[in-house]
N, C-alpha and C. Protein backbone atom coordinates (compact mmCIF):
# COMPACT_ATOMS: atom_id res chain seq x y z
N MET A 1 89.22 91.00 120.11
CA MET A 1 88.85 89.48 120.37
C MET A 1 89.86 89.33 119.85
N ASP A 2 90.43 87.90 120.56
CA ASP A 2 91.44 87.08 119.85
C ASP A 2 90.81 85.92 119.37
N PHE A 3 91.48 85.80 118.16
CA PHE A 3 91.85 84.88 117.60
C PHE A 3 92.42 83.36 117.95
N VAL A 4 91.36 82.74 117.84
CA VAL A 4 91.50 81.17 117.85
C VAL A 4 91.38 80.18 117.04
N ARG A 5 92.14 78.83 117.59
CA ARG A 5 91.79 78.35 116.07
C ARG A 5 90.40 77.56 116.38
N GLY A 6 89.95 77.19 115.19
CA GLY A 6 88.27 77.07 114.93
C GLY A 6 87.54 78.66 114.73
N MET A 7 88.05 79.62 115.07
CA MET A 7 87.20 80.50 114.60
C MET A 7 86.70 80.91 113.31
N VAL A 8 85.57 81.08 112.82
CA VAL A 8 84.66 81.34 111.89
C VAL A 8 84.78 82.93 111.45
N VAL A 9 85.68 83.08 110.42
CA VAL A 9 86.08 84.81 110.27
C VAL A 9 85.21 84.72 108.91
N ARG A 10 85.02 86.30 108.72
CA ARG A 10 84.77 86.75 107.18
C ARG A 10 85.88 87.86 106.76
N SER A 11 86.21 87.74 105.39
CA SER A 11 87.36 88.51 104.97
C SER A 11 86.83 89.54 104.26
N ALA A 12 87.46 90.79 104.95
CA ALA A 12 87.23 92.04 104.97
C ALA A 12 87.79 92.35 103.50
N ALA A 13 89.00 91.67 102.76
CA ALA A 13 89.26 92.44 101.83
C ALA A 13 89.87 91.18 101.03
N GLY A 14 90.76 91.77 99.80
CA GLY A 14 90.88 90.76 98.83
C GLY A 14 90.10 90.63 97.78
N ARG A 15 90.33 88.83 97.09
CA ARG A 15 89.63 88.25 95.86
C ARG A 15 88.69 87.63 96.87
N ASP A 16 89.18 87.73 98.06
CA ASP A 16 87.91 86.37 99.16
C ASP A 16 87.02 87.13 100.17
N LYS A 17 86.62 88.57 99.48
CA LYS A 17 86.00 89.40 100.47
C LYS A 17 85.04 88.80 100.69
N ASN A 18 84.22 88.95 101.88
CA ASN A 18 82.97 88.36 102.27
C ASN A 18 82.89 86.81 102.27
N GLY A 19 83.93 86.52 102.71
CA GLY A 19 83.80 84.74 102.42
C GLY A 19 84.08 84.66 104.20
N PHE A 20 83.57 83.07 104.24
CA PHE A 20 84.17 82.65 105.49
C PHE A 20 85.31 81.54 106.04
N PHE A 21 85.59 81.62 106.77
CA PHE A 21 86.49 80.45 106.45
C PHE A 21 86.69 80.20 108.21
N ALA A 22 87.96 79.32 108.38
CA ALA A 22 88.43 78.85 109.79
C ALA A 22 89.29 79.21 109.89
N VAL A 23 89.96 79.60 111.20
CA VAL A 23 91.27 79.97 111.60
C VAL A 23 91.63 78.78 111.73
N LEU A 24 93.12 78.13 111.27
CA LEU A 24 93.82 77.00 111.59
C LEU A 24 95.09 77.36 112.91
N GLU A 25 95.57 78.74 112.39
CA GLU A 25 96.84 78.99 113.51
C GLU A 25 96.45 80.64 113.55
N ALA A 26 96.81 80.69 114.89
CA ALA A 26 96.69 82.31 114.50
C ALA A 26 98.08 82.61 116.02
N ASN A 27 98.92 83.83 114.94
CA ASN A 27 100.14 84.13 115.92
C ASN A 27 99.67 85.33 116.21
N ASP A 28 100.98 86.31 116.54
CA ASP A 28 100.89 87.93 117.00
C ASP A 28 100.01 88.86 115.77
N ARG A 29 100.30 88.11 114.24
CA ARG A 29 99.97 89.82 113.60
C ARG A 29 98.98 88.44 112.22
N TYR A 30 99.28 87.64 112.15
CA TYR A 30 98.13 87.01 111.20
C TYR A 30 97.66 85.65 111.69
N ALA A 31 96.97 85.08 110.59
CA ALA A 31 95.27 84.02 111.09
C ALA A 31 96.83 83.39 109.22
N LEU A 32 96.23 81.78 109.68
CA LEU A 32 96.09 81.08 108.81
C LEU A 32 94.63 80.41 109.14
N ILE A 33 94.04 80.79 107.55
CA ILE A 33 92.53 80.37 107.57
C ILE A 33 92.24 79.47 106.28
N CYS A 34 91.36 79.07 105.90
CA CYS A 34 91.09 78.09 104.71
C CYS A 34 89.57 77.70 104.99
N ASP A 35 89.23 77.33 103.99
CA ASP A 35 87.39 77.16 103.67
C ASP A 35 87.39 75.69 103.16
N GLY A 36 88.26 74.87 102.73
CA GLY A 36 88.18 73.55 102.63
C GLY A 36 87.69 73.50 100.53
N ARG A 37 87.88 74.84 100.19
CA ARG A 37 87.66 74.32 98.62
C ARG A 37 88.44 75.40 98.65
N ARG A 38 89.33 76.56 97.89
CA ARG A 38 89.82 77.28 97.22
C ARG A 38 91.06 77.41 98.16
N ARG A 39 90.86 77.83 99.07
CA ARG A 39 91.73 77.50 100.35
C ARG A 39 91.76 75.74 101.34
N SER A 40 92.75 75.16 101.02
CA SER A 40 92.15 73.82 101.61
C SER A 40 93.47 73.89 102.63
N LEU A 41 92.98 73.17 103.73
CA LEU A 41 94.18 72.40 104.58
C LEU A 41 95.72 72.16 104.18
N SER A 42 95.89 72.06 102.93
CA SER A 42 97.12 71.80 102.56
C SER A 42 97.74 73.22 102.08
N ASN A 43 96.60 74.13 101.96
CA ASN A 43 97.64 75.46 101.05
C ASN A 43 96.59 76.62 101.54
N PRO A 44 96.60 76.55 103.36
CA PRO A 44 95.81 78.24 104.15
C PRO A 44 96.37 79.14 103.16
N LYS A 45 95.58 80.17 103.67
CA LYS A 45 95.87 81.81 103.47
C LYS A 45 96.55 82.72 104.84
N LYS A 46 97.43 82.75 104.48
CA LYS A 46 97.97 84.00 105.44
C LYS A 46 97.70 84.76 105.47
N LYS A 47 96.52 85.73 106.07
CA LYS A 47 96.00 86.85 106.72
C LYS A 47 96.33 87.43 107.17
N LYS A 48 96.30 88.91 107.55
CA LYS A 48 96.27 89.89 108.65
C LYS A 48 94.91 90.29 109.25
N TYR A 49 95.04 90.30 110.60
CA TYR A 49 93.86 90.52 111.13
C TYR A 49 93.08 91.68 111.22
N ILE A 50 93.50 92.40 110.46
CA ILE A 50 92.63 94.16 110.15
C ILE A 50 92.11 93.63 109.12
N HIS A 51 92.33 92.20 108.33
CA HIS A 51 91.48 92.13 107.01
C HIS A 51 90.35 91.48 107.38
N LEU A 52 90.26 90.55 108.97
CA LEU A 52 89.23 89.70 108.75
C LEU A 52 88.45 90.14 110.21
N PHE A 53 87.02 89.94 109.93
CA PHE A 53 86.39 90.03 110.53
C PHE A 53 85.52 88.74 111.91
N PRO A 54 86.05 88.59 112.87
CA PRO A 54 85.38 87.19 113.98
C PRO A 54 83.69 87.36 114.29
N THR A 55 83.75 86.08 114.10
CA THR A 55 82.47 86.18 114.56
C THR A 55 82.44 85.23 115.81
N LYS A 56 81.26 84.88 116.32
CA LYS A 56 80.91 84.28 117.69
C LYS A 56 81.22 83.01 117.54
N THR A 57 81.37 82.39 116.32
CA THR A 57 81.22 80.78 116.12
C THR A 57 82.99 80.58 116.37
N VAL A 58 82.65 79.13 117.40
CA VAL A 58 84.17 79.06 117.38
C VAL A 58 83.94 76.96 116.81
N LEU A 59 84.56 76.96 115.82
CA LEU A 59 84.42 75.16 115.13
C LEU A 59 84.89 74.39 116.40
N THR A 60 84.27 73.05 116.13
CA THR A 60 85.42 72.11 117.61
C THR A 60 86.68 71.28 116.47
N GLU A 61 87.53 71.05 117.35
CA GLU A 61 88.35 69.87 116.40
C GLU A 61 88.07 69.10 115.56
N SER A 62 86.68 68.36 116.00
CA SER A 62 86.41 67.27 115.36
C SER A 62 86.02 68.11 113.66
N SER A 63 85.45 69.46 113.59
CA SER A 63 85.15 70.33 112.66
C SER A 63 86.56 70.58 111.70
N LEU A 64 87.55 70.36 112.10
CA LEU A 64 88.55 71.14 111.63
C LEU A 64 89.48 69.92 111.08
N GLN A 65 89.56 68.67 110.51
CA GLN A 65 90.28 67.26 110.71
C GLN A 65 90.29 67.17 109.06
N THR A 66 88.76 67.50 107.77
CA THR A 66 89.03 67.44 106.81
C THR A 66 88.49 69.04 106.16
N ASN A 67 88.92 68.64 104.76
CA ASN A 67 88.23 69.43 103.65
C ASN A 67 87.16 69.68 103.70
N ARG A 68 86.10 67.81 103.54
CA ARG A 68 84.77 68.43 103.27
C ARG A 68 84.30 68.23 104.50
N VAL A 69 84.82 68.25 105.69
CA VAL A 69 84.16 68.55 107.07
C VAL A 69 83.98 69.91 107.14
N ILE A 70 85.36 70.92 107.14
CA ILE A 70 85.16 71.99 107.04
C ILE A 70 84.50 72.82 106.28
N ARG A 71 83.96 72.34 105.26
CA ARG A 71 83.12 73.19 103.95
C ARG A 71 81.60 72.85 104.56
N ALA A 72 81.54 71.59 105.25
CA ALA A 72 79.98 71.35 105.97
C ALA A 72 79.72 72.35 106.41
N ALA A 73 80.96 72.47 107.95
CA ALA A 73 80.61 73.34 108.42
C ALA A 73 79.78 75.16 108.54
N LEU A 74 81.16 75.09 107.68
CA LEU A 74 80.89 76.55 107.08
C LEU A 74 80.05 76.90 105.96
N LYS A 75 79.04 76.01 105.39
CA LYS A 75 78.33 75.63 104.19
C LYS A 75 76.93 77.09 105.06
N ASP A 76 76.53 77.17 106.03
CA ASP A 76 75.53 77.66 107.09
C ASP A 76 75.78 79.03 106.86
N PHE A 77 77.00 79.37 106.72
CA PHE A 77 77.48 81.16 106.94
C PHE A 77 77.39 81.56 105.32
N ASN A 78 77.92 80.42 104.81
CA ASN A 78 78.01 81.02 103.26
C ASN A 78 76.24 81.47 102.09
N VAL A 79 75.48 81.36 103.15
CA VAL A 79 73.67 82.17 102.73
C VAL A 79 74.08 83.94 102.19
N GLU A 80 73.90 84.05 101.14
CA GLU A 80 73.77 85.46 101.28
C GLU A 80 72.86 86.43 101.96
N SER A 81 72.04 86.32 103.15
CA SER A 81 71.35 86.86 104.14
C SER A 81 72.53 87.19 104.70
N PRO A 82 72.40 89.43 104.84
CA PRO A 82 73.74 89.54 105.41
C PRO A 82 72.97 89.81 106.85
N PHE A 83 71.71 89.11 107.38
CA PHE A 83 71.52 89.46 108.92
C PHE A 83 71.73 87.92 109.70
N LEU A 84 72.05 86.81 108.86
CA LEU A 84 71.94 85.80 109.16
C LEU A 84 73.30 85.79 110.51
N HIS A 85 74.40 86.25 110.58
CA HIS A 85 75.34 86.10 112.01
C HIS A 85 75.92 87.78 112.55
N GLU A 86 75.92 87.65 113.07
CA GLU A 86 76.68 89.11 113.95
C GLU A 86 77.67 88.80 113.90
N GLU A 87 78.26 89.64 113.85
CA GLU A 87 79.90 90.17 114.17
C GLU A 87 80.32 90.38 114.87
N ALA A 88 81.72 89.98 115.88
CA ALA A 88 81.69 90.35 117.58
C ALA A 88 82.33 92.10 117.68
């Protein structure tokens, strides 16, 4: 699956393991991701694709404008139930 701007992904490794993030930018090996809290728009995390699990959800461009809107969009994903969202 190709990573595109706005895609919601789950981290598979690192300190942010199992956290949900929005992809801000994707190139051939890395994606820049943010969650609006620890990783803001001004300080996104550069992460390799093998450490990310894509979901089927892609946020709209208006959902990627501010940290507050990103947090609100990712709020439903950060619920503790493992069966709420399928991975692609």
